[in-house]
Amino acid sequence: MWWQADEMRHEVTLLVRSDCHACAAARADLARICAELGVPWQTSDVDADPSLRAEYGDRVPVILVDGQEHSCWTVREARLRAALTR
């Protein structure tokens, strides 16, 4: 094909805070989905960064795909899979 595999790589970040049950559930879902799709992902603690805390602190967990907010509070699996396979 005319495109390279590297061009389709997405950047996924899960914004969390400690002792957050919803964050733990989102982390498990994201780990499973990203592993199945071969997409690397990372977490970032909103309380460790004042700018993240100001922007997202009242909505964690938040999933960012390619730096853009994709969803908050829960993982919308079908929507996330569609975004990561584009």
N, C-alpha and C. Protein backbone atom coordinates (compact mmCIF):
# COMPACT_ATOMS: atom_id res chain seq x y z
N MET A 1 0.84 -1.19 0.00
CA MET A 1 0.00 0.00 0.00
C MET A 1 0.87 1.24 0.00
N TRP A 2 0.29 2.38 -0.32
CA TRP A 2 1.03 3.61 -0.42
C TRP A 2 1.37 4.21 0.93
N TRP A 3 0.72 3.80 1.99
CA TRP A 3 1.01 4.35 3.32
C TRP A 3 1.93 3.42 4.09
N GLN A 4 2.60 3.97 5.02
CA GLN A 4 3.50 3.20 5.88
C GLN A 4 2.78 2.88 7.18
N ALA A 5 3.10 1.77 7.80
CA ALA A 5 2.47 1.38 9.06
C ALA A 5 2.69 2.44 10.13
N ASP A 6 3.86 3.11 10.13
CA ASP A 6 4.14 4.13 11.14
C ASP A 6 3.16 5.28 11.07
N GLU A 7 2.61 5.55 9.90
CA GLU A 7 1.67 6.66 9.75
C GLU A 7 0.37 6.39 10.48
N MET A 8 0.05 5.14 10.76
CA MET A 8 -1.21 4.80 11.40
C MET A 8 -1.07 4.68 12.92
N ARG A 9 0.11 4.87 13.45
CA ARG A 9 0.33 4.73 14.89
C ARG A 9 -0.36 5.87 15.63
N HIS A 10 -1.12 5.52 16.64
CA HIS A 10 -1.81 6.52 17.45
C HIS A 10 -1.13 6.66 18.80
N GLU A 11 -1.32 7.81 19.41
CA GLU A 11 -0.82 8.08 20.75
C GLU A 11 -2.01 8.11 21.68
N VAL A 12 -2.01 7.23 22.68
CA VAL A 12 -3.12 7.12 23.63
C VAL A 12 -2.60 7.40 25.03
N THR A 13 -3.29 8.30 25.73
CA THR A 13 -2.96 8.62 27.11
C THR A 13 -4.21 8.54 27.96
N LEU A 14 -4.09 7.89 29.09
CA LEU A 14 -5.17 7.82 30.06
C LEU A 14 -4.82 8.73 31.23
N LEU A 15 -5.65 9.74 31.46
CA LEU A 15 -5.45 10.66 32.57
C LEU A 15 -6.18 10.11 33.78
N VAL A 16 -5.45 9.96 34.87
CA VAL A 16 -5.98 9.30 36.07
C VAL A 16 -5.60 10.09 37.32
N ARG A 17 -6.07 9.60 38.45
CA ARG A 17 -5.59 10.04 39.76
C ARG A 17 -5.59 8.83 40.66
N SER A 18 -4.80 8.87 41.70
CA SER A 18 -4.71 7.72 42.60
C SER A 18 -6.01 7.53 43.36
N ASP A 19 -6.26 6.30 43.77
CA ASP A 19 -7.46 5.92 44.54
C ASP A 19 -8.76 6.25 43.81
N CYS A 20 -8.76 6.10 42.51
CA CYS A 20 -9.94 6.36 41.68
C CYS A 20 -10.41 5.03 41.10
N HIS A 21 -11.57 4.56 41.56
CA HIS A 21 -12.09 3.27 41.09
C HIS A 21 -12.43 3.30 39.59
N ALA A 22 -12.98 4.41 39.12
CA ALA A 22 -13.31 4.53 37.70
C ALA A 22 -12.02 4.51 36.86
N CYS A 23 -10.95 5.10 37.41
CA CYS A 23 -9.66 5.11 36.71
C CYS A 23 -9.11 3.69 36.59
N ALA A 24 -9.26 2.91 37.64
CA ALA A 24 -8.77 1.53 37.62
C ALA A 24 -9.52 0.71 36.58
N ALA A 25 -10.83 0.91 36.50
CA ALA A 25 -11.64 0.20 35.51
C ALA A 25 -11.26 0.62 34.09
N ALA A 26 -11.07 1.92 33.88
CA ALA A 26 -10.68 2.42 32.56
C ALA A 26 -9.30 1.91 32.18
N ARG A 27 -8.40 1.84 33.14
CA ARG A 27 -7.04 1.34 32.88
C ARG A 27 -7.10 -0.12 32.40
N ALA A 28 -7.92 -0.93 33.05
CA ALA A 28 -8.05 -2.34 32.66
C ALA A 28 -8.63 -2.47 31.25
N ASP A 29 -9.68 -1.69 30.97
CA ASP A 29 -10.30 -1.73 29.63
C ASP A 29 -9.32 -1.26 28.56
N LEU A 30 -8.63 -0.16 28.84
CA LEU A 30 -7.70 0.39 27.86
C LEU A 30 -6.53 -0.57 27.62
N ALA A 31 -6.04 -1.19 28.68
CA ALA A 31 -4.94 -2.15 28.53
C ALA A 31 -5.36 -3.30 27.62
N ARG A 32 -6.56 -3.81 27.83
CA ARG A 32 -7.05 -4.93 27.01
C ARG A 32 -7.22 -4.52 25.55
N ILE A 33 -7.88 -3.41 25.32
CA ILE A 33 -8.18 -2.96 23.95
C ILE A 33 -6.89 -2.62 23.21
N CYS A 34 -6.01 -1.87 23.84
CA CYS A 34 -4.76 -1.47 23.18
C CYS A 34 -3.87 -2.67 22.92
N ALA A 35 -3.87 -3.64 23.83
CA ALA A 35 -3.08 -4.86 23.60
C ALA A 35 -3.61 -5.63 22.40
N GLU A 36 -4.92 -5.74 22.30
CA GLU A 36 -5.52 -6.45 21.16
C GLU A 36 -5.20 -5.76 19.84
N LEU A 37 -5.13 -4.42 19.85
CA LEU A 37 -4.90 -3.67 18.62
C LEU A 37 -3.43 -3.34 18.39
N GLY A 38 -2.58 -3.68 19.35
CA GLY A 38 -1.16 -3.38 19.22
C GLY A 38 -0.84 -1.89 19.31
N VAL A 39 -1.62 -1.18 20.09
CA VAL A 39 -1.45 0.27 20.23
C VAL A 39 -0.81 0.56 21.59
N PRO A 40 0.33 1.24 21.60
CA PRO A 40 0.94 1.59 22.89
C PRO A 40 0.14 2.69 23.57
N TRP A 41 0.20 2.68 24.90
CA TRP A 41 -0.52 3.71 25.65
C TRP A 41 0.24 4.01 26.93
N GLN A 42 -0.13 5.11 27.55
CA GLN A 42 0.50 5.53 28.79
C GLN A 42 -0.53 6.15 29.72
N THR A 43 -0.18 6.28 30.98
CA THR A 43 -1.04 6.99 31.92
C THR A 43 -0.32 8.25 32.39
N SER A 44 -1.11 9.20 32.84
CA SER A 44 -0.57 10.42 33.41
C SER A 44 -1.48 10.81 34.56
N ASP A 45 -0.88 11.12 35.71
CA ASP A 45 -1.63 11.50 36.90
C ASP A 45 -1.94 12.99 36.82
N VAL A 46 -3.22 13.35 36.79
CA VAL A 46 -3.60 14.76 36.66
C VAL A 46 -3.15 15.58 37.86
N ASP A 47 -3.03 14.95 39.01
CA ASP A 47 -2.64 15.69 40.21
C ASP A 47 -1.15 16.02 40.24
N ALA A 48 -0.37 15.43 39.35
CA ALA A 48 1.07 15.70 39.27
C ALA A 48 1.38 16.88 38.35
N ASP A 49 0.39 17.36 37.62
CA ASP A 49 0.61 18.44 36.66
C ASP A 49 -0.51 19.47 36.84
N PRO A 50 -0.20 20.67 37.33
CA PRO A 50 -1.24 21.67 37.58
C PRO A 50 -2.11 22.01 36.37
N SER A 51 -1.52 22.02 35.18
CA SER A 51 -2.33 22.34 33.99
C SER A 51 -3.30 21.21 33.66
N LEU A 52 -2.86 19.95 33.80
CA LEU A 52 -3.78 18.82 33.57
C LEU A 52 -4.86 18.80 34.64
N ARG A 53 -4.48 19.08 35.86
CA ARG A 53 -5.46 19.09 36.96
C ARG A 53 -6.53 20.15 36.73
N ALA A 54 -6.11 21.34 36.28
CA ALA A 54 -7.06 22.42 36.02
C ALA A 54 -8.01 22.06 34.88
N GLU A 55 -7.48 21.43 33.85
CA GLU A 55 -8.30 21.11 32.66
C GLU A 55 -9.17 19.88 32.85
N TYR A 56 -8.63 18.82 33.44
CA TYR A 56 -9.31 17.53 33.46
C TYR A 56 -9.64 16.98 34.85
N GLY A 57 -9.20 17.66 35.90
CA GLY A 57 -9.28 17.12 37.25
C GLY A 57 -10.65 16.68 37.72
N ASP A 58 -11.70 17.33 37.24
CA ASP A 58 -13.05 16.95 37.68
C ASP A 58 -13.72 15.94 36.76
N ARG A 59 -12.98 15.43 35.77
CA ARG A 59 -13.58 14.50 34.80
C ARG A 59 -12.83 13.19 34.65
N VAL A 60 -11.85 12.90 35.50
CA VAL A 60 -11.07 11.68 35.32
C VAL A 60 -11.91 10.44 35.56
N PRO A 61 -11.60 9.36 34.88
CA PRO A 61 -10.54 9.20 33.90
C PRO A 61 -10.91 9.84 32.56
N VAL A 62 -9.88 10.30 31.86
CA VAL A 62 -10.05 10.90 30.54
C VAL A 62 -9.10 10.17 29.59
N ILE A 63 -9.62 9.81 28.42
CA ILE A 63 -8.79 9.18 27.39
C ILE A 63 -8.49 10.23 26.32
N LEU A 64 -7.20 10.40 26.05
CA LEU A 64 -6.76 11.27 24.96
C LEU A 64 -6.25 10.38 23.83
N VAL A 65 -6.70 10.64 22.63
CA VAL A 65 -6.19 9.95 21.44
C VAL A 65 -5.57 11.02 20.56
N ASP A 66 -4.29 10.84 20.31
CA ASP A 66 -3.52 11.80 19.51
C ASP A 66 -3.64 13.21 20.08
N GLY A 67 -3.62 13.31 21.42
CA GLY A 67 -3.63 14.59 22.09
C GLY A 67 -4.99 15.25 22.22
N GLN A 68 -6.02 14.63 21.68
CA GLN A 68 -7.37 15.18 21.73
C GLN A 68 -8.24 14.36 22.67
N GLU A 69 -9.10 15.04 23.42
CA GLU A 69 -9.99 14.33 24.33
C GLU A 69 -10.93 13.42 23.54
N HIS A 70 -10.91 12.15 23.88
CA HIS A 70 -11.75 11.17 23.20
C HIS A 70 -12.97 10.84 24.04
N SER A 71 -12.78 10.61 25.33
CA SER A 71 -13.90 10.31 26.23
C SER A 71 -13.48 10.54 27.67
N CYS A 72 -14.48 10.63 28.53
CA CYS A 72 -14.19 10.75 29.96
C CYS A 72 -15.17 9.88 30.74
N TRP A 73 -14.76 9.54 31.94
CA TRP A 73 -15.49 8.73 32.91
C TRP A 73 -15.55 7.25 32.58
N THR A 74 -15.82 6.88 31.34
CA THR A 74 -15.86 5.47 30.96
C THR A 74 -15.21 5.27 29.60
N VAL A 75 -14.82 4.04 29.31
CA VAL A 75 -14.28 3.69 28.01
C VAL A 75 -15.45 3.30 27.11
N ARG A 76 -15.59 4.01 26.02
CA ARG A 76 -16.62 3.68 25.02
C ARG A 76 -15.92 2.80 23.98
N GLU A 77 -16.00 1.50 24.23
CA GLU A 77 -15.15 0.55 23.50
C GLU A 77 -15.30 0.62 21.99
N ALA A 78 -16.51 0.58 21.47
CA ALA A 78 -16.69 0.59 20.02
C ALA A 78 -16.12 1.87 19.41
N ARG A 79 -16.37 3.00 20.05
CA ARG A 79 -15.87 4.28 19.56
C ARG A 79 -14.34 4.33 19.62
N LEU A 80 -13.76 3.81 20.70
CA LEU A 80 -12.31 3.81 20.83
C LEU A 80 -11.67 2.91 19.78
N ARG A 81 -12.22 1.72 19.60
CA ARG A 81 -11.68 0.82 18.58
C ARG A 81 -11.74 1.45 17.20
N ALA A 82 -12.83 2.15 16.90
CA ALA A 82 -12.96 2.80 15.60
C ALA A 82 -11.88 3.88 15.43
N ALA A 83 -11.64 4.65 16.47
CA ALA A 83 -10.63 5.71 16.40
C ALA A 83 -9.23 5.14 16.24
N LEU A 84 -8.97 4.03 16.88
CA LEU A 84 -7.62 3.46 16.84
C LEU A 84 -7.34 2.62 15.59
N THR A 85 -8.35 2.30 14.83
CA THR A 85 -8.14 1.51 13.61
C THR A 85 -8.30 2.36 12.35
N ARG A 86 -8.43 3.64 12.49
CA ARG A 86 -8.50 4.55 11.33
C ARG A 86 -7.13 4.77 10.77
